[in-house]
Amino acid sequence: MGTVLVTGIGGFIGRHIAAELIRCGFSVRGTLRDLARGPEVEASIRAAAGQLPAEIGFAAADLLDGTGWATAMQGVDAVIHCASPFPARVPERDDDLVRPAREGTLRVLKAAREAGIRRVVLTSSIAAVCYGSGRSPFTEEDWTDPDGPLTTPYYRSKTLAEKVAWQFAAESGLDLSVINPGLVLGPLIGKTYGTSVGLVAKAMRGVYPAVPKLSLPVADVRDVARAHVLALQTPEAVGERFIVAAESLSFREIMGILRVTAPDHARKLPRLELPNLVTRLVERFDRSLTPIIRELGRDTRVSNDKVRRVLGLTPRPAREAVAASGLSLIAAGLV
């Protein structure tokens, strides 16, 4: 089936993509900034993939450094680029997010072209979809306005990175597909998780006394990984972007699901939902709330019709992703 390079293989989504590739018969090479992480990453991926006899290799590469990318691309048949920053707090400068996302994406695509690789699947986000002039339910035709009033540095970074990828693909002849997931939750592979699952972990540890009045479309990481591999295998996916998400859940609903899933942690989970005005007042003192302030009161439901129709993927119910996050965190001893 060939070898696929997975950038950011050590991350939450990257590990799931690698495991899905192995289950589908591919060999995998992954990029890491620190190759010392290789044995742990490989062991966790093999365990998740069912210990299938696939080749897993690693290459040292960094989105902000051109060194190593030519070597990483040698002997590769396709690239899945899922490495991108997603901070828990708003950075002091927009450029701290926008630059690595945009320049890193270009660096990966240019290295693929120079290595003669035509097929690339890029991980973007609904952050590049839902914050422009469109209305819910948002579709793949909608785009975030990078300079719009709703746009945060993270939304801008994902939007500009995706736009530069489409522009480069058009100019260079790369066969590009893009996956736009919602809030990515689900089971861990190893003990690594991203910012989204981090919210669940903090809630289960009793960090939050209350939750904001906020709803977001939820994507199960297993569906996100499957969508990447299906896009790689589906000729009709070339030149297309795909929203991967189930229904929207409020943070209060997520806490309710976790209370049922993990009753031993129920007393630590917040029950109070803050009025929007109170959330805005608290944000003045707690900058970790800044990324969500513009979400309050917004309807960000999305349509997953296209991923069903073109890739044949039916997303799992959002409740399953939430429950899997909680149970996985408990099993890993992280809460």
C-alpha atoms as a PDB file:
ATOM      1  CA  MET A   1       0.000   0.000   0.000  1.00  0.00           C
ATOM      2  CA  GLY A   2       3.019   2.301   0.221  1.00  0.00           C
ATOM      3  CA  THR A   3       4.518   4.536   2.877  1.00  0.00           C
ATOM      4  CA  VAL A   4       2.789   7.627   4.277  1.00  0.00           C
ATOM      5  CA  LEU A   5       4.601  10.410   6.108  1.00  0.00           C
ATOM      6  CA  VAL A   6       2.628  11.688   9.103  1.00  0.00           C
ATOM      7  CA  THR A   7       3.866  15.011  10.429  1.00  0.00           C
ATOM      8  CA  GLY A   8       3.375  15.481  14.147  1.00  0.00           C
ATOM      9  CA  ILE A   9       2.960  11.742  14.663  1.00  0.00           C
ATOM     10  CA  GLY A  10       3.518  12.109  18.393  1.00  0.00           C
ATOM     11  CA  GLY A  11       0.390  14.225  18.871  1.00  0.00           C
ATOM     12  CA  PHE A  12      -3.126  13.154  19.827  1.00  0.00           C
ATOM     13  CA  ILE A  13      -4.469  13.151  16.260  1.00  0.00           C
ATOM     14  CA  GLY A  14      -1.193  12.051  14.672  1.00  0.00           C
ATOM     15  CA  ARG A  15      -1.052   8.838  16.686  1.00  0.00           C
ATOM     16  CA  HIS A  16      -4.590   7.924  15.687  1.00  0.00           C
ATOM     17  CA  ILE A  17      -3.879   8.625  12.017  1.00  0.00           C
ATOM     18  CA  ALA A  18      -0.784   6.416  12.144  1.00  0.00           C
ATOM     19  CA  ALA A  19      -2.716   3.578  13.795  1.00  0.00           C
ATOM     20  CA  GLU A  20      -5.476   3.822  11.182  1.00  0.00           C
ATOM     21  CA  LEU A  21      -2.929   3.788   8.351  1.00  0.00           C
ATOM     22  CA  ILE A  22      -1.372   0.620   9.757  1.00  0.00           C
ATOM     23  CA  ARG A  23      -4.760  -1.041  10.075  1.00  0.00           C
ATOM     24  CA  CYS A  24      -5.333  -0.227   6.394  1.00  0.00           C
ATOM     25  CA  GLY A  25      -2.051  -1.801   5.291  1.00  0.00           C
ATOM     26  CA  PHE A  26       0.233   1.223   4.945  1.00  0.00           C
ATOM     27  CA  SER A  27       3.726   1.662   6.299  1.00  0.00           C
ATOM     28  CA  VAL A  28       4.250   4.828   8.309  1.00  0.00           C
ATOM     29  CA  ARG A  29       7.007   7.333   8.807  1.00  0.00           C
ATOM     30  CA  GLY A  30       6.440  10.087  11.341  1.00  0.00           C
ATOM     31  CA  THR A  31       8.167  13.372  12.075  1.00  0.00           C
ATOM     32  CA  LEU A  32       9.207  14.249  15.604  1.00  0.00           C
ATOM     33  CA  ARG A  33      11.138  17.209  16.901  1.00  0.00           C
ATOM     34  CA  ASP A  34      12.885  14.868  19.345  1.00  0.00           C
ATOM     35  CA  LEU A  35      13.674  11.352  18.116  1.00  0.00           C
ATOM     36  CA  ALA A  36      14.107  10.204  21.726  1.00  0.00           C
ATOM     37  CA  ARG A  37      10.302  10.039  21.847  1.00  0.00           C
ATOM     38  CA  GLY A  38      10.267   7.468  19.045  1.00  0.00           C
ATOM     39  CA  PRO A  39      10.154   4.226  21.093  1.00  0.00           C
ATOM     40  CA  GLU A  40       7.231   5.387  23.261  1.00  0.00           C
ATOM     41  CA  VAL A  41       5.298   6.724  20.280  1.00  0.00           C
ATOM     42  CA  GLU A  42       5.857   3.555  18.269  1.00  0.00           C
ATOM     43  CA  ALA A  43       4.862   1.257  21.128  1.00  0.00           C
ATOM     44  CA  SER A  44       1.619   3.139  21.750  1.00  0.00           C
ATOM     45  CA  ILE A  45       0.691   3.181  18.053  1.00  0.00           C
ATOM     46  CA  ARG A  46       1.407  -0.527  17.610  1.00  0.00           C
ATOM     47  CA  ALA A  47      -0.706  -1.350  20.661  1.00  0.00           C
ATOM     48  CA  ALA A  48      -3.610   0.715  19.287  1.00  0.00           C
ATOM     49  CA  ALA A  49      -3.281  -0.770  15.797  1.00  0.00           C
ATOM     50  CA  GLY A  50      -3.392  -4.354  17.051  1.00  0.00           C
ATOM     51  CA  GLN A  51       0.311  -5.195  16.798  1.00  0.00           C
ATOM     52  CA  LEU A  52       0.146  -5.601  13.021  1.00  0.00           C
ATOM     53  CA  PRO A  53       3.531  -6.212  11.326  1.00  0.00           C
ATOM     54  CA  ALA A  54       3.816  -2.815   9.671  1.00  0.00           C
ATOM     55  CA  GLU A  55       6.907  -0.664   9.288  1.00  0.00           C
ATOM     56  CA  ILE A  56       7.034   2.440  11.491  1.00  0.00           C
ATOM     57  CA  GLY A  57       9.948   4.827  11.137  1.00  0.00           C
ATOM     58  CA  PHE A  58      10.752   8.315  12.348  1.00  0.00           C
ATOM     59  CA  ALA A  59      12.528  11.404  11.064  1.00  0.00           C
ATOM     60  CA  ALA A  60      13.605  14.517  12.924  1.00  0.00           C
ATOM     61  CA  ALA A  61      11.926  17.659  11.560  1.00  0.00           C
ATOM     62  CA  ASP A  62      10.492  20.902  12.895  1.00  0.00           C
ATOM     63  CA  LEU A  63       7.893  23.164  11.277  1.00  0.00           C
ATOM     64  CA  LEU A  64      10.086  26.213  11.933  1.00  0.00           C
ATOM     65  CA  ASP A  65      13.264  24.687  10.505  1.00  0.00           C
ATOM     66  CA  GLY A  66      13.965  23.452   7.000  1.00  0.00           C
ATOM     67  CA  THR A  67      16.485  20.884   8.227  1.00  0.00           C
ATOM     68  CA  GLY A  68      15.400  17.263   7.948  1.00  0.00           C
ATOM     69  CA  TRP A  69      12.385  17.590   5.677  1.00  0.00           C
ATOM     70  CA  ALA A  70      14.129  16.341   2.520  1.00  0.00           C
ATOM     71  CA  THR A  71      15.294  13.242   4.392  1.00  0.00           C
ATOM     72  CA  ALA A  72      11.834  12.704   5.894  1.00  0.00           C
ATOM     73  CA  MET A  73      10.285  12.666   2.408  1.00  0.00           C
ATOM     74  CA  GLN A  74      12.636  10.087   0.881  1.00  0.00           C
ATOM     75  CA  GLY A  75      10.796   6.955  -0.250  1.00  0.00           C
ATOM     76  CA  VAL A  76       7.409   8.323   0.763  1.00  0.00           C
ATOM     77  CA  ASP A  77       4.304   7.893  -1.410  1.00  0.00           C
ATOM     78  CA  ALA A  78       1.983  10.397   0.297  1.00  0.00           C
ATOM     79  CA  VAL A  79       1.946  12.925   3.129  1.00  0.00           C
ATOM     80  CA  ILE A  80      -0.583  13.592   5.883  1.00  0.00           C
ATOM     81  CA  HIS A  81       0.290  16.927   7.456  1.00  0.00           C
ATOM     82  CA  CYS A  82      -1.385  17.186  10.844  1.00  0.00           C
ATOM     83  CA  ALA A  83       1.297  18.977  12.878  1.00  0.00           C
ATOM     84  CA  SER A  84       0.093  22.401  13.991  1.00  0.00           C
ATOM     85  CA  PRO A  85       0.056  24.386  17.230  1.00  0.00           C
ATOM     86  CA  PHE A  86      -3.137  24.605  19.332  1.00  0.00           C
ATOM     87  CA  PRO A  87      -2.411  26.572  22.519  1.00  0.00           C
ATOM     88  CA  ALA A  88      -4.473  26.582  25.696  1.00  0.00           C
ATOM     89  CA  ARG A  89      -3.969  30.336  26.015  1.00  0.00           C
ATOM     90  CA  VAL A  90      -3.941  33.232  23.596  1.00  0.00           C
ATOM     91  CA  PRO A  91      -0.302  33.993  22.663  1.00  0.00           C
ATOM     92  CA  GLU A  92       1.131  37.436  23.274  1.00  0.00           C
ATOM     93  CA  ARG A  93       1.602  37.907  19.532  1.00  0.00           C
ATOM     94  CA  ASP A  94      -0.553  36.599  16.700  1.00  0.00           C
ATOM     95  CA  ASP A  95       2.630  35.701  14.849  1.00  0.00           C
ATOM     96  CA  ASP A  96       3.496  33.109  17.500  1.00  0.00           C
ATOM     97  CA  LEU A  97       0.701  30.982  16.051  1.00  0.00           C
ATOM     98  CA  VAL A  98       0.257  32.233  12.498  1.00  0.00           C
ATOM     99  CA  ARG A  99       3.910  31.951  11.481  1.00  0.00           C
ATOM    100  CA  PRO A 100       4.535  28.304  12.407  1.00  0.00           C
ATOM    101  CA  ALA A 101       1.160  27.232  10.991  1.00  0.00           C
ATOM    102  CA  ARG A 102       1.522  29.074   7.676  1.00  0.00           C
ATOM    103  CA  GLU A 103       5.255  28.716   7.127  1.00  0.00           C
ATOM    104  CA  GLY A 104       5.284  25.174   8.452  1.00  0.00           C
ATOM    105  CA  THR A 105       2.562  24.131   6.030  1.00  0.00           C
ATOM    106  CA  LEU A 106       4.436  25.668   3.104  1.00  0.00           C
ATOM    107  CA  ARG A 107       7.668  24.009   4.216  1.00  0.00           C
ATOM    108  CA  VAL A 108       6.016  20.574   4.243  1.00  0.00           C
ATOM    109  CA  LEU A 109       4.278  21.044   0.888  1.00  0.00           C
ATOM    110  CA  LYS A 110       7.424  22.339  -0.815  1.00  0.00           C
ATOM    111  CA  ALA A 111       9.427  19.398   0.519  1.00  0.00           C
ATOM    112  CA  ALA A 112       6.761  17.019  -0.801  1.00  0.00           C
ATOM    113  CA  ARG A 113       6.864  18.613  -4.243  1.00  0.00           C
ATOM    114  CA  GLU A 114      10.664  18.518  -4.369  1.00  0.00           C
ATOM    115  CA  ALA A 115      10.553  14.816  -3.441  1.00  0.00           C
ATOM    116  CA  GLY A 116       8.113  14.124  -6.277  1.00  0.00           C
ATOM    117  CA  ILE A 117       5.186  13.375  -3.965  1.00  0.00           C
ATOM    118  CA  ARG A 118       1.810  14.329  -5.422  1.00  0.00           C
ATOM    119  CA  ARG A 119      -0.710  13.259  -2.769  1.00  0.00           C
ATOM    120  CA  VAL A 120      -1.161  15.308   0.401  1.00  0.00           C
ATOM    121  CA  VAL A 121      -3.903  15.366   3.043  1.00  0.00           C
ATOM    122  CA  LEU A 122      -3.885  18.365   5.379  1.00  0.00           C
ATOM    123  CA  THR A 123      -5.455  18.674   8.831  1.00  0.00           C
ATOM    124  CA  SER A 124      -7.240  22.005   9.157  1.00  0.00           C
ATOM    125  CA  SER A 125     -10.187  22.797  11.447  1.00  0.00           C
ATOM    126  CA  ILE A 126     -13.702  24.178  11.543  1.00  0.00           C
ATOM    127  CA  ALA A 127     -11.817  27.215  12.855  1.00  0.00           C
ATOM    128  CA  ALA A 128     -11.142  27.879   9.156  1.00  0.00           C
ATOM    129  CA  VAL A 129     -14.853  27.505   8.332  1.00  0.00           C
ATOM    130  CA  CYS A 130     -17.202  29.032  10.903  1.00  0.00           C
ATOM    131  CA  TYR A 131     -16.049  32.617  11.461  1.00  0.00           C
ATOM    132  CA  GLY A 132     -16.841  34.525   8.320  1.00  0.00           C
ATOM    133  CA  SER A 133     -20.048  35.685   6.682  1.00  0.00           C
ATOM    134  CA  GLY A 134     -21.712  32.250   6.574  1.00  0.00           C
ATOM    135  CA  ARG A 135     -24.524  30.932   8.751  1.00  0.00           C
ATOM    136  CA  SER A 136     -25.105  27.610  10.474  1.00  0.00           C
ATOM    137  CA  PRO A 137     -25.167  24.868   9.608  1.00  0.00           C
ATOM    138  CA  PHE A 138     -21.773  25.728   8.103  1.00  0.00           C
ATOM    139  CA  THR A 139     -20.494  23.759   5.116  1.00  0.00           C
ATOM    140  CA  GLU A 140     -17.219  23.337   3.263  1.00  0.00           C
ATOM    141  CA  GLU A 141     -18.180  26.331   1.105  1.00  0.00           C
ATOM    142  CA  ASP A 142     -17.826  28.629   4.126  1.00  0.00           C
ATOM    143  CA  TRP A 143     -14.561  30.294   5.090  1.00  0.00           C
ATOM    144  CA  THR A 144     -13.395  32.175   8.157  1.00  0.00           C
ATOM    145  CA  ASP A 145     -12.470  35.811   7.532  1.00  0.00           C
ATOM    146  CA  PRO A 146      -8.861  36.097   8.806  1.00  0.00           C
ATOM    147  CA  ASP A 147      -9.408  39.781   9.589  1.00  0.00           C
ATOM    148  CA  GLY A 148     -13.009  39.488  10.811  1.00  0.00           C
ATOM    149  CA  PRO A 149     -14.268  40.546  14.244  1.00  0.00           C
ATOM    150  CA  LEU A 150     -14.827  36.924  15.356  1.00  0.00           C
ATOM    151  CA  THR A 151     -11.345  35.715  14.471  1.00  0.00           C
ATOM    152  CA  THR A 152      -8.835  34.747  17.172  1.00  0.00           C
ATOM    153  CA  PRO A 153      -5.109  34.131  16.527  1.00  0.00           C
ATOM    154  CA  TYR A 154      -5.787  30.382  16.396  1.00  0.00           C
ATOM    155  CA  TYR A 155      -8.640  30.749  13.886  1.00  0.00           C
ATOM    156  CA  ARG A 156      -6.429  33.026  11.802  1.00  0.00           C
ATOM    157  CA  SER A 157      -3.546  30.571  11.862  1.00  0.00           C
ATOM    158  CA  LYS A 158      -5.705  27.661  10.691  1.00  0.00           C
ATOM    159  CA  THR A 159      -7.391  29.742   7.998  1.00  0.00           C
ATOM    160  CA  LEU A 160      -4.207  31.207   6.559  1.00  0.00           C
ATOM    161  CA  ALA A 161      -2.429  27.850   6.691  1.00  0.00           C
ATOM    162  CA  GLU A 162      -5.236  26.179   4.759  1.00  0.00           C
ATOM    163  CA  LYS A 163      -5.500  28.990   2.247  1.00  0.00           C
ATOM    164  CA  VAL A 164      -1.769  28.939   1.522  1.00  0.00           C
ATOM    165  CA  ALA A 165      -1.975  25.162   1.085  1.00  0.00           C
ATOM    166  CA  TRP A 166      -4.729  25.456  -1.519  1.00  0.00           C
ATOM    167  CA  GLN A 167      -2.821  28.194  -3.330  1.00  0.00           C
ATOM    168  CA  PHE A 168       0.389  26.162  -3.396  1.00  0.00           C
ATOM    169  CA  ALA A 169      -1.441  23.043  -4.560  1.00  0.00           C
ATOM    170  CA  ALA A 170      -3.029  24.961  -7.426  1.00  0.00           C
ATOM    171  CA  GLU A 171       0.330  26.374  -8.502  1.00  0.00           C
ATOM    172  CA  SER A 172       2.369  23.183  -8.099  1.00  0.00           C
ATOM    173  CA  GLY A 173      -0.098  20.476  -9.143  1.00  0.00           C
ATOM    174  CA  LEU A 174      -0.255  18.723  -5.769  1.00  0.00           C
ATOM    175  CA  ASP A 175      -3.313  16.542  -5.221  1.00  0.00           C
ATOM    176  CA  LEU A 176      -4.559  18.065  -1.980  1.00  0.00           C
ATOM    177  CA  SER A 177      -7.435  17.136   0.339  1.00  0.00           C
ATOM    178  CA  VAL A 178      -8.243  18.908   3.604  1.00  0.00           C
ATOM    179  CA  ILE A 179      -9.938  17.620   6.767  1.00  0.00           C
ATOM    180  CA  ASN A 180     -11.732  20.195   8.968  1.00  0.00           C
ATOM    181  CA  PRO A 181     -12.547  18.613  12.354  1.00  0.00           C
ATOM    182  CA  GLY A 182     -14.635  20.079  15.135  1.00  0.00           C
ATOM    183  CA  LEU A 183     -13.669  19.918  18.820  1.00  0.00           C
ATOM    184  CA  VAL A 184     -11.605  16.725  18.784  1.00  0.00           C
ATOM    185  CA  LEU A 185     -12.291  14.377  21.685  1.00  0.00           C
ATOM    186  CA  GLY A 186     -12.036  10.616  22.107  1.00  0.00           C
ATOM    187  CA  PRO A 187      -9.693   7.936  23.444  1.00  0.00           C
ATOM    188  CA  LEU A 188      -6.000   8.495  24.044  1.00  0.00           C
ATOM    189  CA  ILE A 189      -3.186   6.523  22.466  1.00  0.00           C
ATOM    190  CA  GLY A 190      -0.515   6.501  25.139  1.00  0.00           C
ATOM    191  CA  LYS A 191      -0.746   9.403  27.561  1.00  0.00           C
ATOM    192  CA  THR A 192      -0.655  12.249  25.053  1.00  0.00           C
ATOM    193  CA  TYR A 193      -3.654  14.502  24.505  1.00  0.00           C
ATOM    194  CA  GLY A 194      -4.312  17.884  22.983  1.00  0.00           C
ATOM    195  CA  THR A 195      -5.940  21.047  24.238  1.00  0.00           C
ATOM    196  CA  SER A 196      -9.491  19.808  23.630  1.00  0.00           C
ATOM    197  CA  VAL A 197      -9.122  16.662  25.749  1.00  0.00           C
ATOM    198  CA  GLY A 198      -7.162  18.819  28.178  1.00  0.00           C
ATOM    199  CA  LEU A 199     -10.394  20.683  28.923  1.00  0.00           C
ATOM    200  CA  VAL A 200     -12.019  17.385  29.886  1.00  0.00           C
ATOM    201  CA  ALA A 201      -9.036  16.415  32.028  1.00  0.00           C
ATOM    202  CA  LYS A 202      -9.095  19.709  33.928  1.00  0.00           C
ATOM    203  CA  ALA A 203     -12.827  19.437  34.503  1.00  0.00           C
ATOM    204  CA  MET A 204     -12.446  15.903  35.876  1.00  0.00           C
ATOM    205  CA  ARG A 205      -9.717  17.125  38.232  1.00  0.00           C
ATOM    206  CA  GLY A 206     -12.048  19.772  39.632  1.00  0.00           C
ATOM    207  CA  VAL A 207     -10.211  22.764  38.153  1.00  0.00           C
ATOM    208  CA  TYR A 208     -13.350  24.522  36.915  1.00  0.00           C
ATOM    209  CA  PRO A 209     -16.003  25.769  39.372  1.00  0.00           C
ATOM    210  CA  ALA A 210     -18.325  26.544  36.443  1.00  0.00           C
ATOM    211  CA  VAL A 211     -18.476  26.358  32.644  1.00  0.00           C
ATOM    212  CA  PRO A 212     -19.280  29.047  30.081  1.00  0.00           C
ATOM    213  CA  LYS A 213     -22.516  29.002  28.097  1.00  0.00           C
ATOM    214  CA  LEU A 214     -20.896  27.649  24.988  1.00  0.00           C
ATOM    215  CA  SER A 215     -21.626  24.931  22.398  1.00  0.00           C
ATOM    216  CA  LEU A 216     -19.279  23.458  19.814  1.00  0.00           C
ATOM    217  CA  PRO A 217     -19.484  20.647  17.216  1.00  0.00           C
ATOM    218  CA  VAL A 218     -17.680  17.574  18.560  1.00  0.00           C
ATOM    219  CA  ALA A 219     -15.521  15.256  16.469  1.00  0.00           C
ATOM    220  CA  ASP A 220     -14.360  11.825  17.596  1.00  0.00           C
ATOM    221  CA  VAL A 221     -10.614  11.473  16.991  1.00  0.00           C
ATOM    222  CA  ARG A 222     -11.211   7.997  15.540  1.00  0.00           C
ATOM    223  CA  ASP A 223     -13.477   9.512  12.880  1.00  0.00           C
ATOM    224  CA  VAL A 224     -10.933  12.265  12.224  1.00  0.00           C
ATOM    225  CA  ALA A 225      -8.201   9.686  11.658  1.00  0.00           C
ATOM    226  CA  ARG A 226     -10.458   7.561   9.465  1.00  0.00           C
ATOM    227  CA  ALA A 227     -11.389  10.586   7.363  1.00  0.00           C
ATOM    228  CA  HIS A 228      -7.720  11.320   6.644  1.00  0.00           C
ATOM    229  CA  VAL A 229      -7.095   7.795   5.412  1.00  0.00           C
ATOM    230  CA  LEU A 230     -10.329   7.651   3.400  1.00  0.00           C
ATOM    231  CA  ALA A 231      -9.430  10.964   1.763  1.00  0.00           C
ATOM    232  CA  LEU A 232      -6.040   9.486   0.853  1.00  0.00           C
ATOM    233  CA  GLN A 233      -7.713   6.461  -0.737  1.00  0.00           C
ATOM    234  CA  THR A 234     -10.619   8.209  -2.505  1.00  0.00           C
ATOM    235  CA  PRO A 235      -9.909   9.772  -5.926  1.00  0.00           C
ATOM    236  CA  GLU A 236     -12.988  12.004  -5.615  1.00  0.00           C
ATOM    237  CA  ALA A 237     -11.469  13.577  -2.500  1.00  0.00           C
ATOM    238  CA  VAL A 238      -8.740  15.371  -4.433  1.00  0.00           C
ATOM    239  CA  GLY A 239      -9.313  19.107  -4.396  1.00  0.00           C
ATOM    240  CA  GLU A 240     -11.940  18.886  -1.644  1.00  0.00           C
ATOM    241  CA  ARG A 241     -12.257  19.850   2.016  1.00  0.00           C
ATOM    242  CA  PHE A 242     -14.304  17.786   4.488  1.00  0.00           C
ATOM    243  CA  ILE A 243     -15.916  18.817   7.753  1.00  0.00           C
ATOM    244  CA  VAL A 244     -15.698  15.999  10.310  1.00  0.00           C
ATOM    245  CA  ALA A 245     -17.978  16.529  13.305  1.00  0.00           C
ATOM    246  CA  ALA A 246     -21.145  15.215  14.863  1.00  0.00           C
ATOM    247  CA  GLU A 247     -23.713  17.296  16.713  1.00  0.00           C
ATOM    248  CA  SER A 248     -22.870  20.331  18.835  1.00  0.00           C
ATOM    249  CA  LEU A 249     -22.734  19.914  22.606  1.00  0.00           C
ATOM    250  CA  SER A 250     -22.689  22.608  25.241  1.00  0.00           C
ATOM    251  CA  PHE A 251     -19.984  22.467  27.884  1.00  0.00           C
ATOM    252  CA  ARG A 252     -22.760  21.834  30.390  1.00  0.00           C
ATOM    253  CA  GLU A 253     -23.938  18.812  28.371  1.00  0.00           C
ATOM    254  CA  ILE A 254     -20.356  17.539  28.189  1.00  0.00           C
ATOM    255  CA  MET A 255     -20.093  17.714  31.979  1.00  0.00           C
ATOM    256  CA  GLY A 256     -23.382  15.804  32.276  1.00  0.00           C
ATOM    257  CA  ILE A 257     -22.104  13.024  30.023  1.00  0.00           C
ATOM    258  CA  LEU A 258     -18.912  12.764  32.061  1.00  0.00           C
ATOM    259  CA  ARG A 259     -20.870  12.518  35.321  1.00  0.00           C
ATOM    260  CA  VAL A 260     -22.710   9.479  33.959  1.00  0.00           C
ATOM    261  CA  THR A 261     -19.583   7.981  32.371  1.00  0.00           C
ATOM    262  CA  ALA A 262     -17.297   8.504  35.358  1.00  0.00           C
ATOM    263  CA  PRO A 263     -19.492   8.654  38.494  1.00  0.00           C
ATOM    264  CA  ASP A 264     -16.460   8.508  40.788  1.00  0.00           C
ATOM    265  CA  HIS A 265     -15.407  11.901  39.411  1.00  0.00           C
ATOM    266  CA  ALA A 266     -18.899  13.423  39.383  1.00  0.00           C
ATOM    267  CA  ARG A 267     -18.402  15.577  42.468  1.00  0.00           C
ATOM    268  CA  LYS A 268     -15.437  17.344  40.836  1.00  0.00           C
ATOM    269  CA  LEU A 269     -17.289  18.172  37.623  1.00  0.00           C
ATOM    270  CA  PRO A 270     -18.886  21.641  37.475  1.00  0.00           C
ATOM    271  CA  ARG A 271     -22.664  21.915  37.431  1.00  0.00           C
ATOM    272  CA  LEU A 272     -22.948  25.687  37.248  1.00  0.00           C
ATOM    273  CA  GLU A 273     -23.217  27.397  33.847  1.00  0.00           C
ATOM    274  CA  LEU A 274     -22.041  30.997  33.890  1.00  0.00           C
ATOM    275  CA  PRO A 275     -24.204  33.698  32.302  1.00  0.00           C
ATOM    276  CA  ASN A 276     -22.446  35.303  29.346  1.00  0.00           C
ATOM    277  CA  LEU A 277     -22.054  38.619  31.152  1.00  0.00           C
ATOM    278  CA  VAL A 278     -20.277  36.946  34.070  1.00  0.00           C
ATOM    279  CA  THR A 279     -17.970  35.047  31.696  1.00  0.00           C
ATOM    280  CA  ARG A 280     -16.993  38.302  30.008  1.00  0.00           C
ATOM    281  CA  LEU A 281     -16.254  39.904  33.370  1.00  0.00           C
ATOM    282  CA  VAL A 282     -14.153  36.941  34.536  1.00  0.00           C
ATOM    283  CA  GLU A 283     -12.210  36.999  31.254  1.00  0.00           C
ATOM    284  CA  ARG A 284     -10.685  40.327  32.209  1.00  0.00           C
ATOM    285  CA  PHE A 285      -8.783  38.516  34.962  1.00  0.00           C
ATOM    286  CA  ASP A 286      -8.413  35.060  33.398  1.00  0.00           C
ATOM    287  CA  ARG A 287      -6.969  35.286  29.895  1.00  0.00           C
ATOM    288  CA  SER A 288      -7.446  31.556  29.335  1.00  0.00           C
ATOM    289  CA  LEU A 289     -11.093  32.441  28.606  1.00  0.00           C
ATOM    290  CA  THR A 290     -10.183  34.877  25.820  1.00  0.00           C
ATOM    291  CA  PRO A 291     -10.397  32.309  22.973  1.00  0.00           C
ATOM    292  CA  ILE A 292     -14.045  31.547  23.785  1.00  0.00           C
ATOM    293  CA  ILE A 293     -15.427  35.004  24.502  1.00  0.00           C
ATOM    294  CA  ARG A 294     -16.408  35.548  20.876  1.00  0.00           C
ATOM    295  CA  GLU A 295     -18.131  32.149  20.810  1.00  0.00           C
ATOM    296  CA  LEU A 296     -20.703  33.059  23.463  1.00  0.00           C
ATOM    297  CA  GLY A 297     -24.204  32.984  22.023  1.00  0.00           C
ATOM    298  CA  ARG A 298     -23.068  31.818  18.558  1.00  0.00           C
ATOM    299  CA  ASP A 299     -24.600  28.944  16.628  1.00  0.00           C
ATOM    300  CA  THR A 300     -21.670  27.010  15.168  1.00  0.00           C
ATOM    301  CA  ARG A 301     -23.484  23.872  14.037  1.00  0.00           C
ATOM    302  CA  VAL A 302     -21.923  22.296  10.954  1.00  0.00           C
ATOM    303  CA  SER A 303     -23.055  19.958   8.209  1.00  0.00           C
ATOM    304  CA  ASN A 304     -21.316  16.616   7.776  1.00  0.00           C
ATOM    305  CA  ASP A 305     -23.264  15.713   4.627  1.00  0.00           C
ATOM    306  CA  LYS A 306     -20.193  15.875   2.395  1.00  0.00           C
ATOM    307  CA  VAL A 307     -18.000  13.511   4.418  1.00  0.00           C
ATOM    308  CA  ARG A 308     -20.883  11.044   4.480  1.00  0.00           C
ATOM    309  CA  ARG A 309     -21.542  11.352   0.752  1.00  0.00           C
ATOM    310  CA  VAL A 310     -17.991  11.421  -0.664  1.00  0.00           C
ATOM    311  CA  LEU A 311     -15.977   9.439   1.898  1.00  0.00           C
ATOM    312  CA  GLY A 312     -18.781   7.211   3.186  1.00  0.00           C
ATOM    313  CA  LEU A 313     -17.989   8.127   6.786  1.00  0.00           C
ATOM    314  CA  THR A 314     -20.785   8.376   9.357  1.00  0.00           C
ATOM    315  CA  PRO A 315     -19.454  10.280  12.390  1.00  0.00           C
ATOM    316  CA  ARG A 316     -19.946   8.717  15.797  1.00  0.00           C
ATOM    317  CA  PRO A 317     -22.381  10.493  18.128  1.00  0.00           C
ATOM    318  CA  ALA A 318     -20.697  13.284  20.073  1.00  0.00           C
ATOM    319  CA  ARG A 319     -21.618  11.553  23.339  1.00  0.00           C
ATOM    320  CA  GLU A 320     -19.329   8.624  22.442  1.00  0.00           C
ATOM    321  CA  ALA A 321     -16.345  10.913  21.937  1.00  0.00           C
ATOM    322  CA  VAL A 322     -16.905  12.633  25.284  1.00  0.00           C
ATOM    323  CA  ALA A 323     -17.316   9.349  27.163  1.00  0.00           C
ATOM    324  CA  ALA A 324     -14.236   7.852  25.501  1.00  0.00           C
ATOM    325  CA  SER A 325     -12.157  10.853  26.578  1.00  0.00           C
ATOM    326  CA  GLY A 326     -13.205  10.466  30.204  1.00  0.00           C
ATOM    327  CA  LEU A 327     -12.709   6.710  30.378  1.00  0.00           C
ATOM    328  CA  SER A 328      -9.370   6.929  28.592  1.00  0.00           C
ATOM    329  CA  LEU A 329      -8.048   9.605  30.944  1.00  0.00           C
ATOM    330  CA  ILE A 330      -9.018   7.431  33.907  1.00  0.00           C
ATOM    331  CA  ALA A 331      -7.420   4.320  32.401  1.00  0.00           C
ATOM    332  CA  ALA A 332      -4.196   6.227  31.754  1.00  0.00           C
ATOM    333  CA  GLY A 333      -4.103   7.477  35.343  1.00  0.00           C
ATOM    334  CA  LEU A 334      -4.236  11.104  34.231  1.00  0.00           C
ATOM    335  CA  VAL A 335      -7.213  12.158  36.365  1.00  0.00           C
END
